[in-house]
Amino acid sequence: MRLTAWLVLIASLLLWSGNWIVARAVREDVAPGIATVGRQVIVLAILAPLVFRGLREKWGSLTRKDLKILAALGFSGGGVHLGLQWLGLHYTTATSGILYLSTSPIFIMLMAIPLGERVRLPQWVGVLISFCGVYLIATHGEVASLSFNIGDLMALTSMVMWSAYTILLRVRRDPLDTPELLTMICAFGLVFMIPWVTWELLFNPKLQLNQAGVLAIVYAAIGALLLAHAGWSCVVRRLGVVPAGVSMHLMPAFGVVLSALFLAEYPSWYHFAGIALILGGVALSSLK
């Protein structure tokens, strides 16, 4: 059973990594807002009939604070966060974008300070080292230019939002189970995406949706959202939080390999140097 859990873990990480590759591959085939809303609609269509009864029974027990946290989860993890990923990959490579995944422990640590997390000097040094790696990747190795790639900044902002989403998961106290929670996150995320999609409908001339775009949305909804989240929940229960959390650092490695295989995007020296600094900083920040 433990071997099965590890196989499910690897499959979940591959599905999440593949989402970056797919988004980069179809950047000219579907607008980012349409892609994000499309995957939310598919997930809601699948989950809503299954969780409707449970949500109706639990709705009365949700406090105003619970709803605010759920709305914040929808904003940071189910809507704009996903749109920024897809939009950022219009301007930067999937290799660069997916390497920023390893920065999430740093942002989570910083955001946990108001919750009572104590950050000591070695951890601050680790933060500084990680940000040096981020700077190296974001400037594409031209450290003296002080010029950042806009796509890298969007991908990095997406990671900041994902870190906020993780912190919010720690403070939620609602009675919802995982499918019910995912349904609420997608529903709130859909609401927050309305202004974005409205702008695309009015001003974006590239709204064509061909077969590649449709398949990408279906993959993002069923593969990267439903199956990966379900697999991740199972793995955390079987293996524990720490082993699962550490395994997240496999995603940049998976992403670099997938980018080379399917997109012919090969890493440069600054990718290797940057991820080495980021992981070194994360390791130092994790020391007690």
C-alpha atoms as a PDB file:
ATOM      1  CA  MET A   1       0.000   0.000   0.000  1.00  0.00           C
ATOM      2  CA  ARG A   2       2.910   2.350   0.719  1.00  0.00           C
ATOM      3  CA  LEU A   3       4.311   1.697  -2.776  1.00  0.00           C
ATOM      4  CA  THR A   4       0.885   2.523  -4.224  1.00  0.00           C
ATOM      5  CA  ALA A   5       0.838   5.789  -2.289  1.00  0.00           C
ATOM      6  CA  TRP A   6       4.230   6.777  -3.705  1.00  0.00           C
ATOM      7  CA  LEU A   7       3.060   5.934  -7.237  1.00  0.00           C
ATOM      8  CA  VAL A   8      -0.044   8.074  -6.720  1.00  0.00           C
ATOM      9  CA  LEU A   9       2.203  10.864  -5.414  1.00  0.00           C
ATOM     10  CA  ILE A  10       4.420  10.773  -8.510  1.00  0.00           C
ATOM     11  CA  ALA A  11       1.352  10.707 -10.775  1.00  0.00           C
ATOM     12  CA  SER A  12      -0.123  13.745  -9.006  1.00  0.00           C
ATOM     13  CA  LEU A  13       3.128  15.698  -9.311  1.00  0.00           C
ATOM     14  CA  LEU A  14       3.398  14.778 -13.004  1.00  0.00           C
ATOM     15  CA  LEU A  15      -0.175  15.939 -13.620  1.00  0.00           C
ATOM     16  CA  TRP A  16       0.540  19.278 -11.925  1.00  0.00           C
ATOM     17  CA  SER A  17       3.839  19.677 -13.767  1.00  0.00           C
ATOM     18  CA  GLY A  18       2.163  18.819 -17.052  1.00  0.00           C
ATOM     19  CA  ASN A  19      -0.304  21.666 -16.546  1.00  0.00           C
ATOM     20  CA  TRP A  20       2.532  24.186 -17.009  1.00  0.00           C
ATOM     21  CA  ILE A  21       3.643  22.423 -20.191  1.00  0.00           C
ATOM     22  CA  VAL A  22       0.120  22.337 -21.610  1.00  0.00           C
ATOM     23  CA  ALA A  23      -0.514  26.000 -20.766  1.00  0.00           C
ATOM     24  CA  ARG A  24       2.687  27.014 -22.523  1.00  0.00           C
ATOM     25  CA  ALA A  25       1.933  24.829 -25.548  1.00  0.00           C
ATOM     26  CA  VAL A  26      -1.560  26.270 -26.183  1.00  0.00           C
ATOM     27  CA  ARG A  27      -0.841  29.915 -25.321  1.00  0.00           C
ATOM     28  CA  GLU A  28      -1.944  30.975 -28.816  1.00  0.00           C
ATOM     29  CA  ASP A  29      -4.986  28.698 -28.856  1.00  0.00           C
ATOM     30  CA  VAL A  30      -6.963  29.883 -25.827  1.00  0.00           C
ATOM     31  CA  ALA A  31      -7.100  33.100 -23.795  1.00  0.00           C
ATOM     32  CA  PRO A  32      -5.901  32.700 -20.163  1.00  0.00           C
ATOM     33  CA  GLY A  33      -9.176  33.865 -18.601  1.00  0.00           C
ATOM     34  CA  ILE A  34     -11.270  31.607 -20.828  1.00  0.00           C
ATOM     35  CA  ALA A  35      -9.004  28.664 -19.960  1.00  0.00           C
ATOM     36  CA  THR A  36      -9.279  29.332 -16.231  1.00  0.00           C
ATOM     37  CA  VAL A  37     -13.048  29.756 -16.254  1.00  0.00           C
ATOM     38  CA  GLY A  38     -13.439  26.729 -18.521  1.00  0.00           C
ATOM     39  CA  ARG A  39     -11.653  24.432 -16.087  1.00  0.00           C
ATOM     40  CA  GLN A  40     -13.684  25.815 -13.176  1.00  0.00           C
ATOM     41  CA  VAL A  41     -16.960  25.206 -15.016  1.00  0.00           C
ATOM     42  CA  ILE A  42     -15.956  21.618 -15.819  1.00  0.00           C
ATOM     43  CA  VAL A  43     -14.999  20.891 -12.200  1.00  0.00           C
ATOM     44  CA  LEU A  44     -18.226  22.437 -10.906  1.00  0.00           C
ATOM     45  CA  ALA A  45     -20.277  20.438 -13.404  1.00  0.00           C
ATOM     46  CA  ILE A  46     -18.676  17.235 -12.140  1.00  0.00           C
ATOM     47  CA  LEU A  47     -18.636  17.947  -8.409  1.00  0.00           C
ATOM     48  CA  ALA A  48     -21.777  20.030  -7.825  1.00  0.00           C
ATOM     49  CA  PRO A  49     -24.280  17.146  -8.241  1.00  0.00           C
ATOM     50  CA  LEU A  50     -22.170  14.986  -5.935  1.00  0.00           C
ATOM     51  CA  VAL A  51     -21.782  17.493  -3.097  1.00  0.00           C
ATOM     52  CA  PHE A  52     -25.035  19.448  -3.378  1.00  0.00           C
ATOM     53  CA  ARG A  53     -26.799  17.583  -0.586  1.00  0.00           C
ATOM     54  CA  GLY A  54     -23.858  17.795   1.809  1.00  0.00           C
ATOM     55  CA  LEU A  55     -23.307  21.494   1.113  1.00  0.00           C
ATOM     56  CA  ARG A  56     -26.991  22.237   1.665  1.00  0.00           C
ATOM     57  CA  GLU A  57     -26.910  20.490   5.052  1.00  0.00           C
ATOM     58  CA  LYS A  58     -23.709  22.254   6.153  1.00  0.00           C
ATOM     59  CA  TRP A  59     -24.482  25.704   4.757  1.00  0.00           C
ATOM     60  CA  GLY A  60     -26.295  26.841   7.899  1.00  0.00           C
ATOM     61  CA  SER A  61     -23.271  26.023  10.064  1.00  0.00           C
ATOM     62  CA  LEU A  62     -20.905  28.208   8.002  1.00  0.00           C
ATOM     63  CA  THR A  63     -20.119  31.446   9.820  1.00  0.00           C
ATOM     64  CA  ARG A  64     -19.350  34.771   8.185  1.00  0.00           C
ATOM     65  CA  LYS A  65     -15.659  34.175   8.964  1.00  0.00           C
ATOM     66  CA  ASP A  66     -15.840  30.764   7.262  1.00  0.00           C
ATOM     67  CA  LEU A  67     -17.297  32.344   4.127  1.00  0.00           C
ATOM     68  CA  LYS A  68     -14.626  35.059   4.097  1.00  0.00           C
ATOM     69  CA  ILE A  69     -11.882  32.440   4.311  1.00  0.00           C
ATOM     70  CA  LEU A  70     -13.533  30.367   1.574  1.00  0.00           C
ATOM     71  CA  ALA A  71     -13.761  33.460  -0.625  1.00  0.00           C
ATOM     72  CA  ALA A  72     -10.074  34.211   0.008  1.00  0.00           C
ATOM     73  CA  LEU A  73      -9.249  30.605  -0.876  1.00  0.00           C
ATOM     74  CA  GLY A  74     -11.182  30.999  -4.118  1.00  0.00           C
ATOM     75  CA  PHE A  75      -9.269  34.168  -4.973  1.00  0.00           C
ATOM     76  CA  SER A  76      -5.805  32.912  -4.087  1.00  0.00           C
ATOM     77  CA  GLY A  77      -6.095  29.287  -5.151  1.00  0.00           C
ATOM     78  CA  GLY A  78      -8.971  28.825  -7.548  1.00  0.00           C
ATOM     79  CA  GLY A  79      -9.219  31.879  -9.776  1.00  0.00           C
ATOM     80  CA  VAL A  80      -6.703  34.642 -10.357  1.00  0.00           C
ATOM     81  CA  HIS A  81      -3.843  32.387  -9.243  1.00  0.00           C
ATOM     82  CA  LEU A  82      -4.564  29.997 -12.116  1.00  0.00           C
ATOM     83  CA  GLY A  83      -5.123  32.805 -14.615  1.00  0.00           C
ATOM     84  CA  LEU A  84      -1.742  34.343 -13.808  1.00  0.00           C
ATOM     85  CA  GLN A  85      -0.048  31.008 -14.475  1.00  0.00           C
ATOM     86  CA  TRP A  86      -1.544  30.777 -17.945  1.00  0.00           C
ATOM     87  CA  LEU A  87      -0.980  34.443 -18.762  1.00  0.00           C
ATOM     88  CA  GLY A  88       2.615  34.407 -17.503  1.00  0.00           C
ATOM     89  CA  LEU A  89       3.454  31.503 -19.803  1.00  0.00           C
ATOM     90  CA  HIS A  90       2.692  33.763 -22.778  1.00  0.00           C
ATOM     91  CA  TYR A  91       5.887  35.667 -21.963  1.00  0.00           C
ATOM     92  CA  THR A  92       8.260  33.192 -20.314  1.00  0.00           C
ATOM     93  CA  THR A  93       9.195  29.558 -20.756  1.00  0.00           C
ATOM     94  CA  ALA A  94       7.592  26.691 -18.882  1.00  0.00           C
ATOM     95  CA  THR A  95      11.053  25.895 -17.501  1.00  0.00           C
ATOM     96  CA  SER A  96      11.373  29.300 -15.848  1.00  0.00           C
ATOM     97  CA  GLY A  97       7.788  29.323 -14.594  1.00  0.00           C
ATOM     98  CA  ILE A  98       7.823  25.903 -12.973  1.00  0.00           C
ATOM     99  CA  LEU A  99      11.124  26.508 -11.169  1.00  0.00           C
ATOM    100  CA  TYR A 100       9.364  29.117  -9.039  1.00  0.00           C
ATOM    101  CA  LEU A 101       7.334  26.334  -7.437  1.00  0.00           C
ATOM    102  CA  SER A 102      10.237  25.745  -5.080  1.00  0.00           C
ATOM    103  CA  THR A 103       9.865  29.257  -3.652  1.00  0.00           C
ATOM    104  CA  SER A 104       6.526  28.440  -2.004  1.00  0.00           C
ATOM    105  CA  PRO A 105       8.069  27.241   1.324  1.00  0.00           C
ATOM    106  CA  ILE A 106       9.822  30.606   1.628  1.00  0.00           C
ATOM    107  CA  PHE A 107       6.640  32.613   1.069  1.00  0.00           C
ATOM    108  CA  ILE A 108       4.665  30.305   3.366  1.00  0.00           C
ATOM    109  CA  MET A 109       7.203  30.862   6.131  1.00  0.00           C
ATOM    110  CA  LEU A 110       7.064  34.650   5.706  1.00  0.00           C
ATOM    111  CA  MET A 111       3.258  34.699   5.644  1.00  0.00           C
ATOM    112  CA  ALA A 112       3.126  32.541   8.777  1.00  0.00           C
ATOM    113  CA  ILE A 113       4.915  35.211  10.832  1.00  0.00           C
ATOM    114  CA  PRO A 114       1.614  36.970  11.773  1.00  0.00           C
ATOM    115  CA  LEU A 115       0.353  33.547  12.937  1.00  0.00           C
ATOM    116  CA  GLY A 116       3.168  33.265  15.461  1.00  0.00           C
ATOM    117  CA  GLU A 117       5.919  31.678  13.355  1.00  0.00           C
ATOM    118  CA  ARG A 118       9.340  32.625  14.742  1.00  0.00           C
ATOM    119  CA  VAL A 119      11.965  33.311  12.070  1.00  0.00           C
ATOM    120  CA  ARG A 120      15.561  33.205  13.247  1.00  0.00           C
ATOM    121  CA  LEU A 121      18.701  34.616  11.632  1.00  0.00           C
ATOM    122  CA  PRO A 122      19.667  31.435   9.688  1.00  0.00           C
ATOM    123  CA  GLN A 123      16.169  31.342   8.219  1.00  0.00           C
ATOM    124  CA  TRP A 124      16.418  34.984   7.112  1.00  0.00           C
ATOM    125  CA  VAL A 125      19.733  34.129   5.456  1.00  0.00           C
ATOM    126  CA  GLY A 126      17.962  31.269   3.674  1.00  0.00           C
ATOM    127  CA  VAL A 127      15.268  33.676   2.473  1.00  0.00           C
ATOM    128  CA  LEU A 128      17.926  36.006   1.080  1.00  0.00           C
ATOM    129  CA  ILE A 129      19.717  33.156  -0.710  1.00  0.00           C
ATOM    130  CA  SER A 130      16.444  31.929  -2.250  1.00  0.00           C
ATOM    131  CA  PHE A 131      15.536  35.404  -3.462  1.00  0.00           C
ATOM    132  CA  CYS A 132      18.974  35.644  -5.091  1.00  0.00           C
ATOM    133  CA  GLY A 133      18.033  32.527  -7.056  1.00  0.00           C
ATOM    134  CA  VAL A 134      14.680  34.059  -7.992  1.00  0.00           C
ATOM    135  CA  TYR A 135      16.422  37.224  -9.135  1.00  0.00           C
ATOM    136  CA  LEU A 136      18.859  35.230 -11.274  1.00  0.00           C
ATOM    137  CA  ILE A 137      16.063  33.361 -13.063  1.00  0.00           C
ATOM    138  CA  ALA A 138      13.769  36.393 -13.409  1.00  0.00           C
ATOM    139  CA  THR A 139      16.531  38.440 -15.061  1.00  0.00           C
ATOM    140  CA  HIS A 140      17.529  35.461 -17.242  1.00  0.00           C
ATOM    141  CA  GLY A 141      21.057  35.657 -15.907  1.00  0.00           C
ATOM    142  CA  GLU A 142      21.524  39.342 -16.737  1.00  0.00           C
ATOM    143  CA  VAL A 143      21.836  40.427 -13.122  1.00  0.00           C
ATOM    144  CA  ALA A 144      23.203  43.889 -13.928  1.00  0.00           C
ATOM    145  CA  SER A 145      20.289  44.850 -16.171  1.00  0.00           C
ATOM    146  CA  LEU A 146      17.655  45.111 -13.390  1.00  0.00           C
ATOM    147  CA  SER A 147      15.149  44.136 -16.089  1.00  0.00           C
ATOM    148  CA  PHE A 148      12.603  41.482 -15.150  1.00  0.00           C
ATOM    149  CA  ASN A 149      10.648  39.339 -17.571  1.00  0.00           C
ATOM    150  CA  ILE A 150       6.952  40.120 -17.084  1.00  0.00           C
ATOM    151  CA  GLY A 151       6.024  36.455 -17.488  1.00  0.00           C
ATOM    152  CA  ASP A 152       8.406  35.460 -14.697  1.00  0.00           C
ATOM    153  CA  LEU A 153       6.885  38.089 -12.416  1.00  0.00           C
ATOM    154  CA  MET A 154       3.384  36.737 -13.131  1.00  0.00           C
ATOM    155  CA  ALA A 155       4.500  33.177 -12.394  1.00  0.00           C
ATOM    156  CA  LEU A 156       6.152  34.355  -9.184  1.00  0.00           C
ATOM    157  CA  THR A 157       3.021  36.271  -8.165  1.00  0.00           C
ATOM    158  CA  SER A 158       1.062  33.085  -8.769  1.00  0.00           C
ATOM    159  CA  MET A 159       3.356  31.294  -6.301  1.00  0.00           C
ATOM    160  CA  VAL A 160       2.824  34.051  -3.728  1.00  0.00           C
ATOM    161  CA  MET A 161      -0.928  33.539  -4.085  1.00  0.00           C
ATOM    162  CA  TRP A 162      -0.543  29.758  -3.784  1.00  0.00           C
ATOM    163  CA  SER A 163       1.421  30.273  -0.569  1.00  0.00           C
ATOM    164  CA  ALA A 164      -1.366  32.488   0.776  1.00  0.00           C
ATOM    165  CA  TYR A 165      -3.822  29.744  -0.183  1.00  0.00           C
ATOM    166  CA  THR A 166      -1.776  27.242   1.853  1.00  0.00           C
ATOM    167  CA  ILE A 167      -1.760  29.547   4.887  1.00  0.00           C
ATOM    168  CA  LEU A 168      -5.515  30.028   4.606  1.00  0.00           C
ATOM    169  CA  LEU A 169      -5.983  26.257   4.609  1.00  0.00           C
ATOM    170  CA  ARG A 170      -4.293  26.235   8.019  1.00  0.00           C
ATOM    171  CA  VAL A 171      -6.734  28.713   9.535  1.00  0.00           C
ATOM    172  CA  ARG A 172     -10.009  27.417   8.102  1.00  0.00           C
ATOM    173  CA  ARG A 173     -12.418  25.832  10.571  1.00  0.00           C
ATOM    174  CA  ASP A 174     -15.383  24.998   8.354  1.00  0.00           C
ATOM    175  CA  PRO A 175     -16.886  21.485   8.326  1.00  0.00           C
ATOM    176  CA  LEU A 176     -16.486  20.894   4.569  1.00  0.00           C
ATOM    177  CA  ASP A 177     -14.800  17.768   3.233  1.00  0.00           C
ATOM    178  CA  THR A 178     -12.365  17.885   0.301  1.00  0.00           C
ATOM    179  CA  PRO A 179     -14.877  17.663  -2.615  1.00  0.00           C
ATOM    180  CA  GLU A 180     -17.123  20.242  -0.951  1.00  0.00           C
ATOM    181  CA  LEU A 181     -14.176  22.539  -0.299  1.00  0.00           C
ATOM    182  CA  LEU A 182     -12.957  22.244  -3.900  1.00  0.00           C
ATOM    183  CA  THR A 183     -16.463  23.048  -5.134  1.00  0.00           C
ATOM    184  CA  MET A 184     -16.640  26.209  -3.025  1.00  0.00           C
ATOM    185  CA  ILE A 185     -13.135  27.284  -4.090  1.00  0.00           C
ATOM    186  CA  CYS A 186     -14.021  26.884  -7.771  1.00  0.00           C
ATOM    187  CA  ALA A 187     -17.323  28.713  -7.281  1.00  0.00           C
ATOM    188  CA  PHE A 188     -15.689  31.700  -5.575  1.00  0.00           C
ATOM    189  CA  GLY A 189     -12.809  31.586  -8.055  1.00  0.00           C
ATOM    190  CA  LEU A 190     -15.312  31.774 -10.896  1.00  0.00           C
ATOM    191  CA  VAL A 191     -16.833  34.914  -9.378  1.00  0.00           C
ATOM    192  CA  PHE A 192     -13.421  36.589  -9.082  1.00  0.00           C
ATOM    193  CA  MET A 193     -12.635  35.735 -12.720  1.00  0.00           C
ATOM    194  CA  ILE A 194     -15.715  37.550 -14.074  1.00  0.00           C
ATOM    195  CA  PRO A 195     -13.932  40.943 -14.544  1.00  0.00           C
ATOM    196  CA  TRP A 196     -10.972  39.238 -16.235  1.00  0.00           C
ATOM    197  CA  VAL A 197     -13.142  37.266 -18.665  1.00  0.00           C
ATOM    198  CA  THR A 198     -15.296  40.327 -19.341  1.00  0.00           C
ATOM    199  CA  TRP A 199     -12.181  42.248 -20.388  1.00  0.00           C
ATOM    200  CA  GLU A 200     -11.134  39.380 -22.677  1.00  0.00           C
ATOM    201  CA  LEU A 201     -14.565  39.256 -24.305  1.00  0.00           C
ATOM    202  CA  LEU A 202     -14.514  43.001 -24.954  1.00  0.00           C
ATOM    203  CA  PHE A 203     -10.888  43.688 -25.885  1.00  0.00           C
ATOM    204  CA  ASN A 204      -8.962  40.472 -26.561  1.00  0.00           C
ATOM    205  CA  PRO A 205      -8.902  39.702 -30.288  1.00  0.00           C
ATOM    206  CA  LYS A 206      -7.497  36.197 -29.708  1.00  0.00           C
ATOM    207  CA  LEU A 207     -10.536  34.360 -28.463  1.00  0.00           C
ATOM    208  CA  GLN A 208     -10.408  31.514 -30.950  1.00  0.00           C
ATOM    209  CA  LEU A 209     -10.872  28.156 -29.247  1.00  0.00           C
ATOM    210  CA  ASN A 210      -9.644  25.275 -31.391  1.00  0.00           C
ATOM    211  CA  GLN A 211      -9.361  21.593 -30.563  1.00  0.00           C
ATOM    212  CA  ALA A 212      -5.993  22.004 -28.859  1.00  0.00           C
ATOM    213  CA  GLY A 213      -7.422  24.693 -26.582  1.00  0.00           C
ATOM    214  CA  VAL A 214     -10.421  22.559 -25.641  1.00  0.00           C
ATOM    215  CA  LEU A 215      -8.244  19.544 -24.854  1.00  0.00           C
ATOM    216  CA  ALA A 216      -5.947  21.726 -22.748  1.00  0.00           C
ATOM    217  CA  ILE A 217      -8.883  23.011 -20.675  1.00  0.00           C
ATOM    218  CA  VAL A 218     -10.183  19.473 -20.150  1.00  0.00           C
ATOM    219  CA  TYR A 219      -6.736  18.303 -19.056  1.00  0.00           C
ATOM    220  CA  ALA A 220      -6.320  21.262 -16.697  1.00  0.00           C
ATOM    221  CA  ALA A 221      -9.743  20.604 -15.146  1.00  0.00           C
ATOM    222  CA  ILE A 222      -9.782  16.820 -14.832  1.00  0.00           C
ATOM    223  CA  GLY A 223      -6.062  16.009 -14.699  1.00  0.00           C
ATOM    224  CA  ALA A 224      -4.416  18.916 -12.921  1.00  0.00           C
ATOM    225  CA  LEU A 225      -7.346  19.909 -10.705  1.00  0.00           C
ATOM    226  CA  LEU A 226      -9.590  16.943  -9.921  1.00  0.00           C
ATOM    227  CA  LEU A 227      -7.288  13.916 -10.172  1.00  0.00           C
ATOM    228  CA  ALA A 228      -4.150  15.622  -8.856  1.00  0.00           C
ATOM    229  CA  HIS A 229      -5.973  17.145  -5.869  1.00  0.00           C
ATOM    230  CA  ALA A 230      -7.669  13.832  -5.073  1.00  0.00           C
ATOM    231  CA  GLY A 231      -4.360  11.982  -5.345  1.00  0.00           C
ATOM    232  CA  TRP A 232      -2.602  14.581  -3.193  1.00  0.00           C
ATOM    233  CA  SER A 233      -5.238  14.289  -0.459  1.00  0.00           C
ATOM    234  CA  CYS A 234      -4.839  10.495  -0.469  1.00  0.00           C
ATOM    235  CA  VAL A 235      -1.035  10.737  -0.319  1.00  0.00           C
ATOM    236  CA  VAL A 236      -1.049  13.187   2.600  1.00  0.00           C
ATOM    237  CA  ARG A 237      -3.254  10.792   4.580  1.00  0.00           C
ATOM    238  CA  ARG A 238      -1.124   7.719   3.760  1.00  0.00           C
ATOM    239  CA  LEU A 239       2.425   9.132   3.882  1.00  0.00           C
ATOM    240  CA  GLY A 240       2.047  12.200   6.092  1.00  0.00           C
ATOM    241  CA  VAL A 241       2.466  15.914   5.516  1.00  0.00           C
ATOM    242  CA  VAL A 242       6.276  16.118   5.695  1.00  0.00           C
ATOM    243  CA  PRO A 243       7.172  13.478   3.057  1.00  0.00           C
ATOM    244  CA  ALA A 244       4.474  14.807   0.749  1.00  0.00           C
ATOM    245  CA  GLY A 245       5.600  18.405   1.217  1.00  0.00           C
ATOM    246  CA  VAL A 246       9.251  17.613   0.534  1.00  0.00           C
ATOM    247  CA  SER A 247       8.263  15.789  -2.653  1.00  0.00           C
ATOM    248  CA  MET A 248       6.941  19.060  -4.111  1.00  0.00           C
ATOM    249  CA  HIS A 249      10.537  19.863  -5.051  1.00  0.00           C
ATOM    250  CA  LEU A 250      10.355  17.061  -7.621  1.00  0.00           C
ATOM    251  CA  MET A 251       7.987  19.180  -9.724  1.00  0.00           C
ATOM    252  CA  PRO A 252      10.647  21.555 -11.073  1.00  0.00           C
ATOM    253  CA  ALA A 253      12.707  18.528 -12.119  1.00  0.00           C
ATOM    254  CA  PHE A 254       9.683  16.951 -13.807  1.00  0.00           C
ATOM    255  CA  GLY A 255       8.857  20.261 -15.457  1.00  0.00           C
ATOM    256  CA  VAL A 256      12.343  20.775 -16.889  1.00  0.00           C
ATOM    257  CA  VAL A 257      12.323  17.275 -18.399  1.00  0.00           C
ATOM    258  CA  LEU A 258       8.793  17.660 -19.814  1.00  0.00           C
ATOM    259  CA  SER A 259       9.656  21.086 -21.259  1.00  0.00           C
ATOM    260  CA  ALA A 260      12.647  19.615 -23.061  1.00  0.00           C
ATOM    261  CA  LEU A 261      10.671  16.614 -24.360  1.00  0.00           C
ATOM    262  CA  PHE A 262       7.484  18.322 -25.523  1.00  0.00           C
ATOM    263  CA  LEU A 263       8.378  21.993 -26.030  1.00  0.00           C
ATOM    264  CA  ALA A 264      12.075  21.798 -26.969  1.00  0.00           C
ATOM    265  CA  GLU A 265      12.731  24.372 -24.214  1.00  0.00           C
ATOM    266  CA  TYR A 266      16.104  23.540 -22.748  1.00  0.00           C
ATOM    267  CA  PRO A 267      17.343  24.975 -19.452  1.00  0.00           C
ATOM    268  CA  SER A 268      20.147  27.524 -19.451  1.00  0.00           C
ATOM    269  CA  TRP A 269      22.927  27.963 -16.916  1.00  0.00           C
ATOM    270  CA  TYR A 270      20.918  30.506 -14.925  1.00  0.00           C
ATOM    271  CA  HIS A 271      18.093  27.995 -14.461  1.00  0.00           C
ATOM    272  CA  PHE A 272      20.470  25.529 -12.793  1.00  0.00           C
ATOM    273  CA  ALA A 273      22.205  28.218 -10.750  1.00  0.00           C
ATOM    274  CA  GLY A 274      18.904  29.803  -9.740  1.00  0.00           C
ATOM    275  CA  ILE A 275      17.217  26.587  -8.618  1.00  0.00           C
ATOM    276  CA  ALA A 276      20.371  25.618  -6.693  1.00  0.00           C
ATOM    277  CA  LEU A 277      20.190  28.913  -4.782  1.00  0.00           C
ATOM    278  CA  ILE A 278      16.447  28.560  -4.195  1.00  0.00           C
ATOM    279  CA  LEU A 279      16.705  24.995  -2.887  1.00  0.00           C
ATOM    280  CA  GLY A 280      19.750  25.897  -0.783  1.00  0.00           C
ATOM    281  CA  GLY A 281      17.836  28.771   0.764  1.00  0.00           C
ATOM    282  CA  VAL A 282      14.794  26.579   1.388  1.00  0.00           C
ATOM    283  CA  ALA A 283      16.983  23.955   3.083  1.00  0.00           C
ATOM    284  CA  LEU A 284      18.592  26.594   5.328  1.00  0.00           C
ATOM    285  CA  SER A 285      15.191  28.098   6.151  1.00  0.00           C
ATOM    286  CA  SER A 286      13.877  24.664   7.131  1.00  0.00           C
ATOM    287  CA  LEU A 287      16.542  24.077   9.755  1.00  0.00           C
ATOM    288  CA  LYS A 288      15.388  24.231  13.362  1.00  0.00           C
END
